[in-house]
Amino acid sequence: MSDESGTFWIDKEKNELVLKNNEEEERFYIEQEFEIEGKKYLILVSTDDDEEEAMAFKLLEDEETLSVIEDDEEFELVREKYMSM
């Protein structure tokens, strides 16, 4: 799974998303995975102990592309669903 900025894959054994960009590899714990209106979203937390902030991403239909949620209304729906879990 890749684009011009890097590749990612899911380590199902550790429940982590692994992002590789050039020579660096960054891991994120998949805190939640859910769907809203047929769209899949991931809530990720860095595995780096210094960071505890959760980040929300949309997994596009091809399931090979992660996208930042740019629409404020869509982001609010994702936030509300995550907070209710």
N, C-alpha and C. Protein backbone atom coordinates (compact mmCIF):
# COMPACT_ATOMS: atom_id res chain seq x y z
N MET A 1 0.85 -1.16 0.00
CA MET A 1 0.00 0.00 0.00
C MET A 1 0.90 1.22 0.00
N SER A 2 0.76 2.05 -1.03
CA SER A 2 1.71 3.15 -1.11
C SER A 2 1.17 4.31 -1.91
N ASP A 3 1.87 5.41 -1.77
CA ASP A 3 1.68 6.57 -2.61
C ASP A 3 3.04 7.26 -2.68
N GLU A 4 3.09 8.48 -3.19
CA GLU A 4 4.37 9.16 -3.34
C GLU A 4 5.04 9.47 -2.01
N SER A 5 4.28 9.56 -0.93
CA SER A 5 4.87 9.96 0.35
C SER A 5 5.28 8.79 1.22
N GLY A 6 4.97 7.57 0.85
CA GLY A 6 5.39 6.43 1.65
C GLY A 6 4.46 5.26 1.50
N THR A 7 4.72 4.25 2.30
CA THR A 7 3.90 3.05 2.28
C THR A 7 3.41 2.77 3.70
N PHE A 8 2.34 2.01 3.79
CA PHE A 8 1.87 1.59 5.10
C PHE A 8 1.31 0.18 5.00
N TRP A 9 1.29 -0.49 6.13
CA TRP A 9 0.65 -1.78 6.24
C TRP A 9 0.19 -1.95 7.67
N ILE A 10 -0.68 -2.93 7.87
CA ILE A 10 -1.21 -3.18 9.20
C ILE A 10 -0.59 -4.47 9.74
N ASP A 11 0.04 -4.34 10.89
CA ASP A 11 0.60 -5.48 11.61
C ASP A 11 -0.51 -6.00 12.50
N LYS A 12 -1.25 -6.99 12.01
CA LYS A 12 -2.42 -7.49 12.72
C LYS A 12 -2.06 -8.14 14.05
N GLU A 13 -0.88 -8.74 14.13
CA GLU A 13 -0.45 -9.39 15.36
C GLU A 13 -0.30 -8.38 16.50
N LYS A 14 0.21 -7.19 16.19
CA LYS A 14 0.41 -6.15 17.20
C LYS A 14 -0.70 -5.10 17.19
N ASN A 15 -1.65 -5.21 16.24
CA ASN A 15 -2.72 -4.23 16.07
C ASN A 15 -2.15 -2.83 15.86
N GLU A 16 -1.17 -2.75 14.95
CA GLU A 16 -0.50 -1.48 14.66
C GLU A 16 -0.50 -1.19 13.17
N LEU A 17 -0.56 0.08 12.86
CA LEU A 17 -0.36 0.54 11.50
C LEU A 17 1.10 0.97 11.42
N VAL A 18 1.80 0.48 10.41
CA VAL A 18 3.22 0.79 10.22
C VAL A 18 3.34 1.69 9.00
N LEU A 19 3.92 2.85 9.19
CA LEU A 19 4.12 3.83 8.12
C LEU A 19 5.60 3.90 7.82
N LYS A 20 5.97 3.66 6.57
CA LYS A 20 7.38 3.73 6.17
C LYS A 20 7.52 4.84 5.15
N ASN A 21 8.39 5.78 5.47
CA ASN A 21 8.66 6.92 4.59
C ASN A 21 10.16 7.00 4.42
N ASN A 22 10.63 6.77 3.22
CA ASN A 22 12.07 6.69 2.93
C ASN A 22 12.68 5.60 3.80
N GLU A 23 13.59 5.93 4.68
CA GLU A 23 14.25 4.93 5.52
C GLU A 23 13.65 4.83 6.92
N GLU A 24 12.72 5.73 7.26
CA GLU A 24 12.13 5.73 8.59
C GLU A 24 10.86 4.89 8.64
N GLU A 25 10.65 4.27 9.80
CA GLU A 25 9.45 3.49 10.02
C GLU A 25 8.81 4.00 11.30
N GLU A 26 7.53 4.32 11.22
CA GLU A 26 6.80 4.83 12.38
C GLU A 26 5.61 3.91 12.62
N ARG A 27 5.35 3.60 13.89
CA ARG A 27 4.26 2.69 14.24
C ARG A 27 3.19 3.43 15.04
N PHE A 28 1.94 3.06 14.75
CA PHE A 28 0.80 3.64 15.44
C PHE A 28 -0.11 2.52 15.89
N TYR A 29 -0.50 2.56 17.16
CA TYR A 29 -1.46 1.60 17.70
C TYR A 29 -2.84 1.93 17.14
N ILE A 30 -3.55 0.93 16.65
CA ILE A 30 -4.91 1.13 16.15
C ILE A 30 -5.85 1.04 17.35
N GLU A 31 -6.24 2.21 17.85
CA GLU A 31 -7.08 2.25 19.03
C GLU A 31 -8.52 1.85 18.71
N GLN A 32 -9.02 2.30 17.58
CA GLN A 32 -10.38 1.96 17.14
C GLN A 32 -10.40 1.89 15.62
N GLU A 33 -11.27 1.04 15.12
CA GLU A 33 -11.53 0.95 13.69
C GLU A 33 -13.04 0.80 13.56
N PHE A 34 -13.68 1.67 12.77
CA PHE A 34 -15.13 1.61 12.64
C PHE A 34 -15.56 2.20 11.30
N GLU A 35 -16.84 1.99 10.97
CA GLU A 35 -17.41 2.52 9.74
C GLU A 35 -18.53 3.49 10.06
N ILE A 36 -18.65 4.50 9.22
CA ILE A 36 -19.77 5.43 9.25
C ILE A 36 -20.22 5.60 7.81
N GLU A 37 -21.48 5.30 7.55
CA GLU A 37 -22.06 5.43 6.22
C GLU A 37 -21.19 4.75 5.16
N GLY A 38 -20.70 3.56 5.48
CA GLY A 38 -19.92 2.77 4.54
C GLY A 38 -18.47 3.17 4.37
N LYS A 39 -18.03 4.18 5.10
CA LYS A 39 -16.63 4.62 5.04
C LYS A 39 -15.90 4.12 6.28
N LYS A 40 -14.66 3.63 6.08
CA LYS A 40 -13.88 3.07 7.18
C LYS A 40 -12.94 4.12 7.75
N TYR A 41 -12.89 4.18 9.09
CA TYR A 41 -12.04 5.15 9.79
C TYR A 41 -11.15 4.42 10.79
N LEU A 42 -9.96 4.97 11.00
CA LEU A 42 -9.02 4.45 11.97
C LEU A 42 -8.67 5.55 12.96
N ILE A 43 -8.67 5.21 14.24
CA ILE A 43 -8.18 6.11 15.27
C ILE A 43 -6.83 5.56 15.69
N LEU A 44 -5.79 6.35 15.47
CA LEU A 44 -4.42 5.92 15.70
C LEU A 44 -3.77 6.70 16.83
N VAL A 45 -2.92 6.01 17.59
CA VAL A 45 -2.13 6.63 18.65
C VAL A 45 -0.70 6.19 18.43
N SER A 46 0.23 7.13 18.48
CA SER A 46 1.64 6.80 18.29
C SER A 46 2.10 5.80 19.34
N THR A 47 2.94 4.88 18.93
CA THR A 47 3.50 3.93 19.89
C THR A 47 4.65 4.56 20.67
N ASP A 48 5.03 5.77 20.30
CA ASP A 48 6.05 6.52 21.04
C ASP A 48 5.45 6.93 22.37
N ASP A 49 6.09 6.57 23.46
CA ASP A 49 5.55 6.84 24.80
C ASP A 49 5.34 8.31 25.10
N ASP A 50 6.01 9.19 24.38
CA ASP A 50 5.91 10.63 24.64
C ASP A 50 4.63 11.24 24.07
N GLU A 51 3.97 10.56 23.17
CA GLU A 51 2.79 11.11 22.51
C GLU A 51 1.56 10.29 22.87
N GLU A 52 0.51 10.98 23.30
CA GLU A 52 -0.73 10.29 23.67
C GLU A 52 -1.92 10.80 22.87
N GLU A 53 -1.69 11.65 21.92
CA GLU A 53 -2.76 12.25 21.14
C GLU A 53 -3.29 11.27 20.10
N ALA A 54 -4.61 11.13 20.04
CA ALA A 54 -5.24 10.26 19.04
C ALA A 54 -5.43 11.04 17.75
N MET A 55 -5.28 10.34 16.63
CA MET A 55 -5.45 10.94 15.31
C MET A 55 -6.46 10.12 14.52
N ALA A 56 -7.31 10.79 13.77
CA ALA A 56 -8.33 10.10 12.99
C ALA A 56 -7.97 10.17 11.51
N PHE A 57 -8.09 9.03 10.83
CA PHE A 57 -7.83 8.95 9.40
C PHE A 57 -8.94 8.16 8.73
N LYS A 58 -9.15 8.46 7.46
CA LYS A 58 -10.12 7.72 6.65
C LYS A 58 -9.33 6.74 5.78
N LEU A 59 -9.77 5.50 5.74
CA LEU A 59 -9.18 4.50 4.87
C LEU A 59 -10.04 4.49 3.61
N LEU A 60 -9.47 4.91 2.49
CA LEU A 60 -10.25 5.05 1.26
C LEU A 60 -10.68 3.70 0.72
N GLU A 61 -11.63 3.72 -0.21
CA GLU A 61 -12.27 2.51 -0.71
C GLU A 61 -11.30 1.45 -1.19
N ASP A 62 -10.18 1.86 -1.75
CA ASP A 62 -9.22 0.87 -2.23
C ASP A 62 -8.47 0.20 -1.08
N GLU A 63 -8.68 0.69 0.15
CA GLU A 63 -8.05 0.20 1.37
C GLU A 63 -6.53 0.21 1.27
N GLU A 64 -6.02 1.03 0.36
CA GLU A 64 -4.58 1.16 0.21
C GLU A 64 -4.13 2.60 0.42
N THR A 65 -5.08 3.47 0.71
CA THR A 65 -4.76 4.88 0.87
C THR A 65 -5.38 5.42 2.16
N LEU A 66 -4.54 6.03 2.99
CA LEU A 66 -5.01 6.73 4.18
C LEU A 66 -5.20 8.19 3.82
N SER A 67 -6.25 8.79 4.35
CA SER A 67 -6.53 10.19 4.04
C SER A 67 -6.82 10.94 5.33
N VAL A 68 -6.31 12.15 5.41
CA VAL A 68 -6.66 13.05 6.50
C VAL A 68 -8.11 13.47 6.28
N ILE A 69 -8.86 13.59 7.35
CA ILE A 69 -10.26 14.02 7.25
C ILE A 69 -10.27 15.54 7.20
N GLU A 70 -10.54 16.11 6.04
CA GLU A 70 -10.46 17.56 5.86
C GLU A 70 -11.79 18.27 6.09
N ASP A 71 -12.89 17.56 5.89
CA ASP A 71 -14.21 18.15 6.04
C ASP A 71 -14.58 18.23 7.52
N ASP A 72 -14.92 19.43 8.01
CA ASP A 72 -15.23 19.63 9.43
C ASP A 72 -16.43 18.80 9.89
N GLU A 73 -17.48 18.71 9.06
CA GLU A 73 -18.66 17.94 9.45
C GLU A 73 -18.34 16.45 9.55
N GLU A 74 -17.57 15.94 8.59
CA GLU A 74 -17.18 14.53 8.61
C GLU A 74 -16.31 14.26 9.84
N PHE A 75 -15.36 15.17 10.13
CA PHE A 75 -14.50 15.00 11.29
C PHE A 75 -15.33 14.97 12.58
N GLU A 76 -16.32 15.83 12.68
CA GLU A 76 -17.17 15.88 13.87
C GLU A 76 -17.95 14.57 14.04
N LEU A 77 -18.45 13.99 12.94
CA LEU A 77 -19.13 12.70 13.01
C LEU A 77 -18.19 11.60 13.53
N VAL A 78 -16.96 11.60 13.03
CA VAL A 78 -15.97 10.62 13.47
C VAL A 78 -15.63 10.83 14.94
N ARG A 79 -15.44 12.08 15.33
CA ARG A 79 -15.12 12.38 16.73
C ARG A 79 -16.24 11.91 17.66
N GLU A 80 -17.48 12.21 17.29
CA GLU A 80 -18.63 11.81 18.11
C GLU A 80 -18.73 10.29 18.24
N LYS A 81 -18.52 9.59 17.13
CA LYS A 81 -18.57 8.11 17.17
C LYS A 81 -17.47 7.58 18.07
N TYR A 82 -16.27 8.11 17.95
CA TYR A 82 -15.13 7.66 18.75
C TYR A 82 -15.39 7.94 20.24
N MET A 83 -15.89 9.11 20.56
CA MET A 83 -16.13 9.47 21.96
C MET A 83 -17.24 8.63 22.58
N SER A 84 -18.16 8.11 21.75
CA SER A 84 -19.27 7.31 22.28
C SER A 84 -18.89 5.84 22.48
N MET A 85 -17.72 5.45 22.05
CA MET A 85 -17.31 4.04 22.14
C MET A 85 -16.71 3.75 23.52
